[in-house]
Amino acid sequence: TALRDIADLEQLGLAFYSETGRSGGYH
């Protein structure tokens, strides 16, 4: 559900990029 919500938030205009690794996450 969280992954689907992130995709929906992106459709709503939330601009972000994701990084993997220790300091990763959604920026």
mmCIF file of all heavy atoms, coordinates in Angstrom:
data_MODEL
# 
_entry.id   MODEL 
# 
loop_
_atom_site.group_PDB 
_atom_site.id 
_atom_site.type_symbol 
_atom_site.label_atom_id 
_atom_site.label_alt_id 
_atom_site.label_comp_id 
_atom_site.label_asym_id 
_atom_site.label_entity_id 
_atom_site.label_seq_id 
_atom_site.pdbx_PDB_ins_code 
_atom_site.Cartn_x 
_atom_site.Cartn_y 
_atom_site.Cartn_z 
_atom_site.occupancy 
_atom_site.B_iso_or_equiv 
_atom_site.pdbx_formal_charge 
_atom_site.auth_seq_id 
_atom_site.auth_comp_id 
_atom_site.auth_asym_id 
_atom_site.auth_atom_id 
_atom_site.pdbx_PDB_model_num 
ATOM 1   N N   . THR A 1 1  ? 0.843  -1.207 0.000   1.00 0.00 ? 1  THR A N   1 
ATOM 2   C CA  . THR A 1 1  ? 0.000  0.000  0.000   1.00 0.00 ? 1  THR A CA  1 
ATOM 3   C C   . THR A 1 1  ? 0.871  1.247  0.000   1.00 0.00 ? 1  THR A C   1 
ATOM 4   O O   . THR A 1 1  ? 0.583  2.218  -0.716  1.00 0.00 ? 1  THR A O   1 
ATOM 5   C CB  . THR A 1 1  ? -0.948 -0.008 1.217   1.00 0.00 ? 1  THR A CB  1 
ATOM 6   O OG1 . THR A 1 1  ? -1.766 -1.176 1.159   1.00 0.00 ? 1  THR A OG1 1 
ATOM 7   C CG2 . THR A 1 1  ? -1.830 1.228  1.247   1.00 0.00 ? 1  THR A CG2 1 
ATOM 8   N N   . ALA A 1 2  ? 1.954  1.241  0.770   1.00 0.00 ? 2  ALA A N   1 
ATOM 9   C CA  . ALA A 1 2  ? 2.866  2.386  0.816   1.00 0.00 ? 2  ALA A CA  1 
ATOM 10  C C   . ALA A 1 2  ? 3.480  2.637  -0.562  1.00 0.00 ? 2  ALA A C   1 
ATOM 11  O O   . ALA A 1 2  ? 3.580  3.787  -1.007  1.00 0.00 ? 2  ALA A O   1 
ATOM 12  C CB  . ALA A 1 2  ? 3.947  2.163  1.862   1.00 0.00 ? 2  ALA A CB  1 
ATOM 13  N N   . LEU A 1 3  ? 3.862  1.579  -1.251  1.00 0.00 ? 3  LEU A N   1 
ATOM 14  C CA  . LEU A 1 3  ? 4.430  1.726  -2.602  1.00 0.00 ? 3  LEU A CA  1 
ATOM 15  C C   . LEU A 1 3  ? 3.388  2.287  -3.581  1.00 0.00 ? 3  LEU A C   1 
ATOM 16  O O   . LEU A 1 3  ? 3.697  3.156  -4.399  1.00 0.00 ? 3  LEU A O   1 
ATOM 17  C CB  . LEU A 1 3  ? 4.963  0.382  -3.101  1.00 0.00 ? 3  LEU A CB  1 
ATOM 18  C CG  . LEU A 1 3  ? 6.266  -0.086 -2.452  1.00 0.00 ? 3  LEU A CG  1 
ATOM 19  C CD1 . LEU A 1 3  ? 6.554  -1.537 -2.813  1.00 0.00 ? 3  LEU A CD1 1 
ATOM 20  C CD2 . LEU A 1 3  ? 7.425  0.811  -2.855  1.00 0.00 ? 3  LEU A CD2 1 
ATOM 21  N N   . ARG A 1 4  ? 2.155  1.797  -3.469  1.00 0.00 ? 4  ARG A N   1 
ATOM 22  C CA  . ARG A 1 4  ? 1.081  2.329  -4.327  1.00 0.00 ? 4  ARG A CA  1 
ATOM 23  C C   . ARG A 1 4  ? 0.826  3.804  -3.997  1.00 0.00 ? 4  ARG A C   1 
ATOM 24  O O   . ARG A 1 4  ? 0.630  4.620  -4.897  1.00 0.00 ? 4  ARG A O   1 
ATOM 25  C CB  . ARG A 1 4  ? -0.211 1.523  -4.154  1.00 0.00 ? 4  ARG A CB  1 
ATOM 26  C CG  . ARG A 1 4  ? -0.201 0.205  -4.916  1.00 0.00 ? 4  ARG A CG  1 
ATOM 27  C CD  . ARG A 1 4  ? -1.604 -0.409 -4.975  1.00 0.00 ? 4  ARG A CD  1 
ATOM 28  N NE  . ARG A 1 4  ? -2.170 -0.667 -3.664  1.00 0.00 ? 4  ARG A NE  1 
ATOM 29  C CZ  . ARG A 1 4  ? -2.057 -1.810 -3.001  1.00 0.00 ? 4  ARG A CZ  1 
ATOM 30  N NH1 . ARG A 1 4  ? -1.385 -2.812 -3.527  1.00 0.00 ? 4  ARG A NH1 1 
ATOM 31  N NH2 . ARG A 1 4  ? -2.622 -1.962 -1.826  1.00 0.00 ? 4  ARG A NH2 1 
ATOM 32  N N   . ASP A 1 5  ? 0.833  4.138  -2.707  1.00 0.00 ? 5  ASP A N   1 
ATOM 33  C CA  . ASP A 1 5  ? 0.617  5.532  -2.309  1.00 0.00 ? 5  ASP A CA  1 
ATOM 34  C C   . ASP A 1 5  ? 1.723  6.436  -2.840  1.00 0.00 ? 5  ASP A C   1 
ATOM 35  O O   . ASP A 1 5  ? 1.456  7.558  -3.284  1.00 0.00 ? 5  ASP A O   1 
ATOM 36  C CB  . ASP A 1 5  ? 0.529  5.647  -0.784  1.00 0.00 ? 5  ASP A CB  1 
ATOM 37  C CG  . ASP A 1 5  ? -0.795 5.149  -0.240  1.00 0.00 ? 5  ASP A CG  1 
ATOM 38  O OD1 . ASP A 1 5  ? -1.664 4.727  -1.038  1.00 0.00 ? 5  ASP A OD1 1 
ATOM 39  O OD2 . ASP A 1 5  ? -0.963 5.173  1.000   1.00 0.00 ? 5  ASP A OD2 1 
ATOM 40  N N   . ILE A 1 6  ? 2.964  5.974  -2.802  1.00 0.00 ? 6  ILE A N   1 
ATOM 41  C CA  . ILE A 1 6  ? 4.070  6.777  -3.321  1.00 0.00 ? 6  ILE A CA  1 
ATOM 42  C C   . ILE A 1 6  ? 3.879  7.024  -4.817  1.00 0.00 ? 6  ILE A C   1 
ATOM 43  O O   . ILE A 1 6  ? 4.087  8.143  -5.298  1.00 0.00 ? 6  ILE A O   1 
ATOM 44  C CB  . ILE A 1 6  ? 5.424  6.093  -3.023  1.00 0.00 ? 6  ILE A CB  1 
ATOM 45  C CG1 . ILE A 1 6  ? 5.729  6.193  -1.523  1.00 0.00 ? 6  ILE A CG1 1 
ATOM 46  C CG2 . ILE A 1 6  ? 6.554  6.727  -3.835  1.00 0.00 ? 6  ILE A CG2 1 
ATOM 47  C CD1 . ILE A 1 6  ? 6.919  5.391  -1.061  1.00 0.00 ? 6  ILE A CD1 1 
ATOM 48  N N   . ALA A 1 7  ? 3.446  6.015  -5.533  1.00 0.00 ? 7  ALA A N   1 
ATOM 49  C CA  . ALA A 1 7  ? 3.174  6.183  -6.967  1.00 0.00 ? 7  ALA A CA  1 
ATOM 50  C C   . ALA A 1 7  ? 2.030  7.188  -7.181  1.00 0.00 ? 7  ALA A C   1 
ATOM 51  O O   . ALA A 1 7  ? 2.103  8.046  -8.066  1.00 0.00 ? 7  ALA A O   1 
ATOM 52  C CB  . ALA A 1 7  ? 2.831  4.840  -7.601  1.00 0.00 ? 7  ALA A CB  1 
ATOM 53  N N   . ASP A 1 8  ? 1.000  7.103  -6.351  1.00 0.00 ? 8  ASP A N   1 
ATOM 54  C CA  . ASP A 1 8  ? -0.122 8.044  -6.454  1.00 0.00 ? 8  ASP A CA  1 
ATOM 55  C C   . ASP A 1 8  ? 0.304  9.461  -6.079  1.00 0.00 ? 8  ASP A C   1 
ATOM 56  O O   . ASP A 1 8  ? -0.133 10.432 -6.707  1.00 0.00 ? 8  ASP A O   1 
ATOM 57  C CB  . ASP A 1 8  ? -1.287 7.601  -5.562  1.00 0.00 ? 8  ASP A CB  1 
ATOM 58  C CG  . ASP A 1 8  ? -1.976 6.342  -6.085  1.00 0.00 ? 8  ASP A CG  1 
ATOM 59  O OD1 . ASP A 1 8  ? -1.839 6.046  -7.286  1.00 0.00 ? 8  ASP A OD1 1 
ATOM 60  O OD2 . ASP A 1 8  ? -2.631 5.657  -5.269  1.00 0.00 ? 8  ASP A OD2 1 
ATOM 61  N N   . LEU A 1 9  ? 1.146  9.589  -5.065  1.00 0.00 ? 9  LEU A N   1 
ATOM 62  C CA  . LEU A 1 9  ? 1.650  10.912 -4.677  1.00 0.00 ? 9  LEU A CA  1 
ATOM 63  C C   . LEU A 1 9  ? 2.469  11.532 -5.807  1.00 0.00 ? 9  LEU A C   1 
ATOM 64  O O   . LEU A 1 9  ? 2.412  12.736 -6.044  1.00 0.00 ? 9  LEU A O   1 
ATOM 65  C CB  . LEU A 1 9  ? 2.476  10.820 -3.391  1.00 0.00 ? 9  LEU A CB  1 
ATOM 66  C CG  . LEU A 1 9  ? 1.697  10.502 -2.116  1.00 0.00 ? 9  LEU A CG  1 
ATOM 67  C CD1 . LEU A 1 9  ? 2.643  10.218 -0.961  1.00 0.00 ? 9  LEU A CD1 1 
ATOM 68  C CD2 . LEU A 1 9  ? 0.738  11.622 -1.757  1.00 0.00 ? 9  LEU A CD2 1 
ATOM 69  N N   . GLU A 1 10 ? 3.218  10.693 -6.515  1.00 0.00 ? 10 GLU A N   1 
ATOM 70  C CA  . GLU A 1 10 ? 3.980  11.182 -7.657  1.00 0.00 ? 10 GLU A CA  1 
ATOM 71  C C   . GLU A 1 10 ? 3.035  11.692 -8.741  1.00 0.00 ? 10 GLU A C   1 
ATOM 72  O O   . GLU A 1 10 ? 3.267  12.737 -9.349  1.00 0.00 ? 10 GLU A O   1 
ATOM 73  C CB  . GLU A 1 10 ? 4.883  10.074 -8.194  1.00 0.00 ? 10 GLU A CB  1 
ATOM 74  C CG  . GLU A 1 10 ? 5.817  10.539 -9.293  1.00 0.00 ? 10 GLU A CG  1 
ATOM 75  C CD  . GLU A 1 10 ? 6.774  9.457  -9.747  1.00 0.00 ? 10 GLU A CD  1 
ATOM 76  O OE1 . GLU A 1 10 ? 6.447  8.259  -9.592  1.00 0.00 ? 10 GLU A OE1 1 
ATOM 77  O OE2 . GLU A 1 10 ? 7.838  9.815  -10.263 1.00 0.00 ? 10 GLU A OE2 1 
ATOM 78  N N   . GLN A 1 11 ? 1.921  10.979 -8.965  1.00 0.00 ? 11 GLN A N   1 
ATOM 79  C CA  . GLN A 1 11 ? 0.919  11.414 -9.941  1.00 0.00 ? 11 GLN A CA  1 
ATOM 80  C C   . GLN A 1 11 ? 0.284  12.743 -9.532  1.00 0.00 ? 11 GLN A C   1 
ATOM 81  O O   . GLN A 1 11 ? -0.097 13.542 -10.377 1.00 0.00 ? 11 GLN A O   1 
ATOM 82  C CB  . GLN A 1 11 ? -0.174 10.351 -10.099 1.00 0.00 ? 11 GLN A CB  1 
ATOM 83  C CG  . GLN A 1 11 ? 0.278  9.085  -10.786 1.00 0.00 ? 11 GLN A CG  1 
ATOM 84  C CD  . GLN A 1 11 ? 0.596  9.328  -12.247 1.00 0.00 ? 11 GLN A CD  1 
ATOM 85  O OE1 . GLN A 1 11 ? -0.061 10.136 -12.906 1.00 0.00 ? 11 GLN A OE1 1 
ATOM 86  N NE2 . GLN A 1 11 ? 1.614  8.659  -12.761 1.00 0.00 ? 11 GLN A NE2 1 
ATOM 87  N N   . LEU A 1 12 ? 0.179  12.963 -8.216  1.00 0.00 ? 12 LEU A N   1 
ATOM 88  C CA  . LEU A 1 12 ? -0.406 14.205 -7.700  1.00 0.00 ? 12 LEU A CA  1 
ATOM 89  C C   . LEU A 1 12 ? 0.569  15.375 -7.746  1.00 0.00 ? 12 LEU A C   1 
ATOM 90  O O   . LEU A 1 12 ? 0.212  16.498 -7.423  1.00 0.00 ? 12 LEU A O   1 
ATOM 91  C CB  . LEU A 1 12 ? -0.897 13.998 -6.259  1.00 0.00 ? 12 LEU A CB  1 
ATOM 92  C CG  . LEU A 1 12 ? -2.110 13.093 -6.096  1.00 0.00 ? 12 LEU A CG  1 
ATOM 93  C CD1 . LEU A 1 12 ? -2.351 12.792 -4.617  1.00 0.00 ? 12 LEU A CD1 1 
ATOM 94  C CD2 . LEU A 1 12 ? -3.343 13.747 -6.708  1.00 0.00 ? 12 LEU A CD2 1 
ATOM 95  N N   . GLY A 1 13 ? 1.822  15.109 -8.105  1.00 0.00 ? 13 GLY A N   1 
ATOM 96  C CA  . GLY A 1 13 ? 2.784  16.195 -8.241  1.00 0.00 ? 13 GLY A CA  1 
ATOM 97  C C   . GLY A 1 13 ? 3.926  16.176 -7.250  1.00 0.00 ? 13 GLY A C   1 
ATOM 98  O O   . GLY A 1 13 ? 4.754  17.090 -7.251  1.00 0.00 ? 13 GLY A O   1 
ATOM 99  N N   . LEU A 1 14 ? 4.006  15.172 -6.398  1.00 0.00 ? 14 LEU A N   1 
ATOM 100 C CA  . LEU A 1 14 ? 5.125  15.074 -5.466  1.00 0.00 ? 14 LEU A CA  1 
ATOM 101 C C   . LEU A 1 14 ? 6.371  14.691 -6.263  1.00 0.00 ? 14 LEU A C   1 
ATOM 102 O O   . LEU A 1 14 ? 6.428  13.621 -6.869  1.00 0.00 ? 14 LEU A O   1 
ATOM 103 C CB  . LEU A 1 14 ? 4.853  14.021 -4.390  1.00 0.00 ? 14 LEU A CB  1 
ATOM 104 C CG  . LEU A 1 14 ? 5.977  13.757 -3.392  1.00 0.00 ? 14 LEU A CG  1 
ATOM 105 C CD1 . LEU A 1 14 ? 6.266  15.007 -2.568  1.00 0.00 ? 14 LEU A CD1 1 
ATOM 106 C CD2 . LEU A 1 14 ? 5.626  12.603 -2.473  1.00 0.00 ? 14 LEU A CD2 1 
ATOM 107 N N   . ALA A 1 15 ? 7.334  15.598 -6.305  1.00 0.00 ? 15 ALA A N   1 
ATOM 108 C CA  . ALA A 1 15 ? 8.563  15.345 -7.057  1.00 0.00 ? 15 ALA A CA  1 
ATOM 109 C C   . ALA A 1 15 ? 9.613  14.785 -6.110  1.00 0.00 ? 15 ALA A C   1 
ATOM 110 O O   . ALA A 1 15 ? 9.932  15.391 -5.086  1.00 0.00 ? 15 ALA A O   1 
ATOM 111 C CB  . ALA A 1 15 ? 9.054  16.636 -7.702  1.00 0.00 ? 15 ALA A CB  1 
ATOM 112 N N   . PHE A 1 16 ? 10.142 13.615 -6.459  1.00 0.00 ? 16 PHE A N   1 
ATOM 113 C CA  . PHE A 1 16 ? 11.155 12.982 -5.621  1.00 0.00 ? 16 PHE A CA  1 
ATOM 114 C C   . PHE A 1 16 ? 12.002 12.052 -6.477  1.00 0.00 ? 16 PHE A C   1 
ATOM 115 O O   . PHE A 1 16 ? 11.666 11.751 -7.625  1.00 0.00 ? 16 PHE A O   1 
ATOM 116 C CB  . PHE A 1 16 ? 10.515 12.193 -4.475  1.00 0.00 ? 16 PHE A CB  1 
ATOM 117 C CG  . PHE A 1 16 ? 9.659  11.041 -4.925  1.00 0.00 ? 16 PHE A CG  1 
ATOM 118 C CD1 . PHE A 1 16 ? 10.205 9.780  -5.147  1.00 0.00 ? 16 PHE A CD1 1 
ATOM 119 C CD2 . PHE A 1 16 ? 8.305  11.210 -5.142  1.00 0.00 ? 16 PHE A CD2 1 
ATOM 120 C CE1 . PHE A 1 16 ? 9.425  8.727  -5.572  1.00 0.00 ? 16 PHE A CE1 1 
ATOM 121 C CE2 . PHE A 1 16 ? 7.521  10.157 -5.574  1.00 0.00 ? 16 PHE A CE2 1 
ATOM 122 C CZ  . PHE A 1 16 ? 8.078  8.914  -5.798  1.00 0.00 ? 16 PHE A CZ  1 
ATOM 123 N N   . TYR A 1 17 ? 13.114 11.636 -5.930  1.00 0.00 ? 17 TYR A N   1 
ATOM 124 C CA  . TYR A 1 17 ? 13.927 10.584 -6.534  1.00 0.00 ? 17 TYR A CA  1 
ATOM 125 C C   . TYR A 1 17 ? 14.326 9.639  -5.422  1.00 0.00 ? 17 TYR A C   1 
ATOM 126 O O   . TYR A 1 17 ? 14.330 9.993  -4.254  1.00 0.00 ? 17 TYR A O   1 
ATOM 127 C CB  . TYR A 1 17 ? 15.150 11.155 -7.265  1.00 0.00 ? 17 TYR A CB  1 
ATOM 128 C CG  . TYR A 1 17 ? 16.125 11.895 -6.380  1.00 0.00 ? 17 TYR A CG  1 
ATOM 129 C CD1 . TYR A 1 17 ? 17.226 11.242 -5.822  1.00 0.00 ? 17 TYR A CD1 1 
ATOM 130 C CD2 . TYR A 1 17 ? 15.961 13.255 -6.105  1.00 0.00 ? 17 TYR A CD2 1 
ATOM 131 C CE1 . TYR A 1 17 ? 18.118 11.910 -5.006  1.00 0.00 ? 17 TYR A CE1 1 
ATOM 132 C CE2 . TYR A 1 17 ? 16.845 13.937 -5.296  1.00 0.00 ? 17 TYR A CE2 1 
ATOM 133 C CZ  . TYR A 1 17 ? 17.931 13.258 -4.750  1.00 0.00 ? 17 TYR A CZ  1 
ATOM 134 O OH  . TYR A 1 17 ? 18.821 13.922 -3.944  1.00 0.00 ? 17 TYR A OH  1 
ATOM 135 N N   . SER A 1 18 ? 14.633 8.412  -5.789  1.00 0.00 ? 18 SER A N   1 
ATOM 136 C CA  . SER A 1 18 ? 14.981 7.433  -4.767  1.00 0.00 ? 18 SER A CA  1 
ATOM 137 C C   . SER A 1 18 ? 16.448 7.048  -4.893  1.00 0.00 ? 18 SER A C   1 
ATOM 138 O O   . SER A 1 18 ? 17.010 7.033  -5.989  1.00 0.00 ? 18 SER A O   1 
ATOM 139 C CB  . SER A 1 18 ? 14.092 6.201  -4.873  1.00 0.00 ? 18 SER A CB  1 
ATOM 140 O OG  . SER A 1 18 ? 14.255 5.585  -6.128  1.00 0.00 ? 18 SER A OG  1 
ATOM 141 N N   . GLU A 1 19 ? 17.040 6.774  -3.745  1.00 0.00 ? 19 GLU A N   1 
ATOM 142 C CA  . GLU A 1 19 ? 18.418 6.305  -3.677  1.00 0.00 ? 19 GLU A CA  1 
ATOM 143 C C   . GLU A 1 19 ? 18.460 5.058  -2.828  1.00 0.00 ? 19 GLU A C   1 
ATOM 144 O O   . GLU A 1 19 ? 17.765 4.966  -1.812  1.00 0.00 ? 19 GLU A O   1 
ATOM 145 C CB  . GLU A 1 19 ? 19.326 7.369  -3.052  1.00 0.00 ? 19 GLU A CB  1 
ATOM 146 C CG  . GLU A 1 19 ? 19.681 8.498  -3.976  1.00 0.00 ? 19 GLU A CG  1 
ATOM 147 C CD  . GLU A 1 19 ? 20.722 9.435  -3.372  1.00 0.00 ? 19 GLU A CD  1 
ATOM 148 O OE1 . GLU A 1 19 ? 21.183 9.201  -2.228  1.00 0.00 ? 19 GLU A OE1 1 
ATOM 149 O OE2 . GLU A 1 19 ? 21.071 10.406 -4.043  1.00 0.00 ? 19 GLU A OE2 1 
ATOM 150 N N   . THR A 1 20 ? 19.291 4.104  -3.235  1.00 0.00 ? 20 THR A N   1 
ATOM 151 C CA  . THR A 1 20 ? 19.458 2.891  -2.452  1.00 0.00 ? 20 THR A CA  1 
ATOM 152 C C   . THR A 1 20 ? 20.701 3.030  -1.579  1.00 0.00 ? 20 THR A C   1 
ATOM 153 O O   . THR A 1 20 ? 21.499 3.949  -1.742  1.00 0.00 ? 20 THR A O   1 
ATOM 154 C CB  . THR A 1 20 ? 19.613 1.660  -3.380  1.00 0.00 ? 20 THR A CB  1 
ATOM 155 O OG1 . THR A 1 20 ? 20.730 1.880  -4.243  1.00 0.00 ? 20 THR A OG1 1 
ATOM 156 C CG2 . THR A 1 20 ? 18.358 1.447  -4.199  1.00 0.00 ? 20 THR A CG2 1 
ATOM 157 N N   . GLY A 1 21 ? 20.824 2.139  -0.661  1.00 0.00 ? 21 GLY A N   1 
ATOM 158 C CA  . GLY A 1 21 ? 22.010 2.141  0.187   1.00 0.00 ? 21 GLY A CA  1 
ATOM 159 C C   . GLY A 1 21 ? 21.733 2.707  1.563   1.00 0.00 ? 21 GLY A C   1 
ATOM 160 O O   . GLY A 1 21 ? 20.602 3.007  1.929   1.00 0.00 ? 21 GLY A O   1 
ATOM 161 N N   . ARG A 1 22 ? 22.814 2.858  2.324   1.00 0.00 ? 22 ARG A N   1 
ATOM 162 C CA  . ARG A 1 22 ? 22.712 3.288  3.724   1.00 0.00 ? 22 ARG A CA  1 
ATOM 163 C C   . ARG A 1 22 ? 22.030 4.646  3.886   1.00 0.00 ? 22 ARG A C   1 
ATOM 164 O O   . ARG A 1 22 ? 21.210 4.848  4.765   1.00 0.00 ? 22 ARG A O   1 
ATOM 165 C CB  . ARG A 1 22 ? 24.103 3.315  4.335   1.00 0.00 ? 22 ARG A CB  1 
ATOM 166 C CG  . ARG A 1 22 ? 24.105 3.806  5.753   1.00 0.00 ? 22 ARG A CG  1 
ATOM 167 C CD  . ARG A 1 22 ? 25.449 3.679  6.344   1.00 0.00 ? 22 ARG A CD  1 
ATOM 168 N NE  . ARG A 1 22 ? 25.324 2.679  7.404   1.00 0.00 ? 22 ARG A NE  1 
ATOM 169 C CZ  . ARG A 1 22 ? 26.279 2.306  8.186   1.00 0.00 ? 22 ARG A CZ  1 
ATOM 170 N NH1 . ARG A 1 22 ? 27.472 2.789  8.016   1.00 0.00 ? 22 ARG A NH1 1 
ATOM 171 N NH2 . ARG A 1 22 ? 26.070 1.427  9.127   1.00 0.00 ? 22 ARG A NH2 1 
ATOM 172 N N   . SER A 1 23 ? 22.377 5.598  3.071   1.00 0.00 ? 23 SER A N   1 
ATOM 173 C CA  . SER A 1 23 ? 21.742 6.925  3.178   1.00 0.00 ? 23 SER A CA  1 
ATOM 174 C C   . SER A 1 23 ? 20.636 7.084  2.139   1.00 0.00 ? 23 SER A C   1 
ATOM 175 O O   . SER A 1 23 ? 20.306 8.186  1.741   1.00 0.00 ? 23 SER A O   1 
ATOM 176 C CB  . SER A 1 23 ? 22.786 8.028  3.010   1.00 0.00 ? 23 SER A CB  1 
ATOM 177 O OG  . SER A 1 23 ? 23.355 7.946  1.703   1.00 0.00 ? 23 SER A OG  1 
ATOM 178 N N   . GLY A 1 24 ? 20.072 5.973  1.710   1.00 0.00 ? 24 GLY A N   1 
ATOM 179 C CA  . GLY A 1 24 ? 19.042 6.002  0.685   1.00 0.00 ? 24 GLY A CA  1 
ATOM 180 C C   . GLY A 1 24 ? 17.694 6.436  1.219   1.00 0.00 ? 24 GLY A C   1 
ATOM 181 O O   . GLY A 1 24 ? 17.551 6.907  2.336   1.00 0.00 ? 24 GLY A O   1 
ATOM 182 N N   . GLY A 1 25 ? 16.713 6.270  0.406   1.00 0.00 ? 25 GLY A N   1 
ATOM 183 C CA  . GLY A 1 25 ? 15.349 6.660  0.734   1.00 0.00 ? 25 GLY A CA  1 
ATOM 184 C C   . GLY A 1 25 ? 14.781 7.476  -0.407  1.00 0.00 ? 25 GLY A C   1 
ATOM 185 O O   . GLY A 1 25 ? 15.344 7.551  -1.495  1.00 0.00 ? 25 GLY A O   1 
ATOM 186 N N   . TYR A 1 26 ? 13.664 8.097  -0.161  1.00 0.00 ? 26 TYR A N   1 
ATOM 187 C CA  . TYR A 1 26 ? 13.021 8.965  -1.138  1.00 0.00 ? 26 TYR A CA  1 
ATOM 188 C C   . TYR A 1 26 ? 13.373 10.403 -0.793  1.00 0.00 ? 26 TYR A C   1 
ATOM 189 O O   . TYR A 1 26 ? 13.078 10.879 0.299   1.00 0.00 ? 26 TYR A O   1 
ATOM 190 C CB  . TYR A 1 26 ? 11.502 8.759  -1.114  1.00 0.00 ? 26 TYR A CB  1 
ATOM 191 C CG  . TYR A 1 26 ? 11.091 7.367  -1.557  1.00 0.00 ? 26 TYR A CG  1 
ATOM 192 C CD1 . TYR A 1 26 ? 10.920 6.346  -0.632  1.00 0.00 ? 26 TYR A CD1 1 
ATOM 193 C CD2 . TYR A 1 26 ? 10.890 7.096  -2.899  1.00 0.00 ? 26 TYR A CD2 1 
ATOM 194 C CE1 . TYR A 1 26 ? 10.546 5.075  -1.033  1.00 0.00 ? 26 TYR A CE1 1 
ATOM 195 C CE2 . TYR A 1 26 ? 10.515 5.821  -3.320  1.00 0.00 ? 26 TYR A CE2 1 
ATOM 196 C CZ  . TYR A 1 26 ? 10.348 4.820  -2.376  1.00 0.00 ? 26 TYR A CZ  1 
ATOM 197 O OH  . TYR A 1 26 ? 9.983  3.571  -2.781  1.00 0.00 ? 26 TYR A OH  1 
ATOM 198 N N   . HIS A 1 27 ? 14.018 11.072 -1.734  1.00 0.00 ? 27 HIS A N   1 
ATOM 199 C CA  . HIS A 1 27 ? 14.437 12.463 -1.540  1.00 0.00 ? 27 HIS A CA  1 
ATOM 200 C C   . HIS A 1 27 ? 13.448 13.370 -2.256  1.00 0.00 ? 27 HIS A C   1 
ATOM 201 O O   . HIS A 1 27 ? 13.281 13.277 -3.476  1.00 0.00 ? 27 HIS A O   1 
ATOM 202 C CB  . HIS A 1 27 ? 15.849 12.683 -2.094  1.00 0.00 ? 27 HIS A CB  1 
ATOM 203 C CG  . HIS A 1 27 ? 16.888 11.860 -1.391  1.00 0.00 ? 27 HIS A CG  1 
ATOM 204 N ND1 . HIS A 1 27 ? 17.656 12.380 -0.378  1.00 0.00 ? 27 HIS A ND1 1 
ATOM 205 C CD2 . HIS A 1 27 ? 17.263 10.561 -1.527  1.00 0.00 ? 27 HIS A CD2 1 
ATOM 206 C CE1 . HIS A 1 27 ? 18.480 11.441 0.070   1.00 0.00 ? 27 HIS A CE1 1 
ATOM 207 N NE2 . HIS A 1 27 ? 18.251 10.320 -0.616  1.00 0.00 ? 27 HIS A NE2 1 
# 
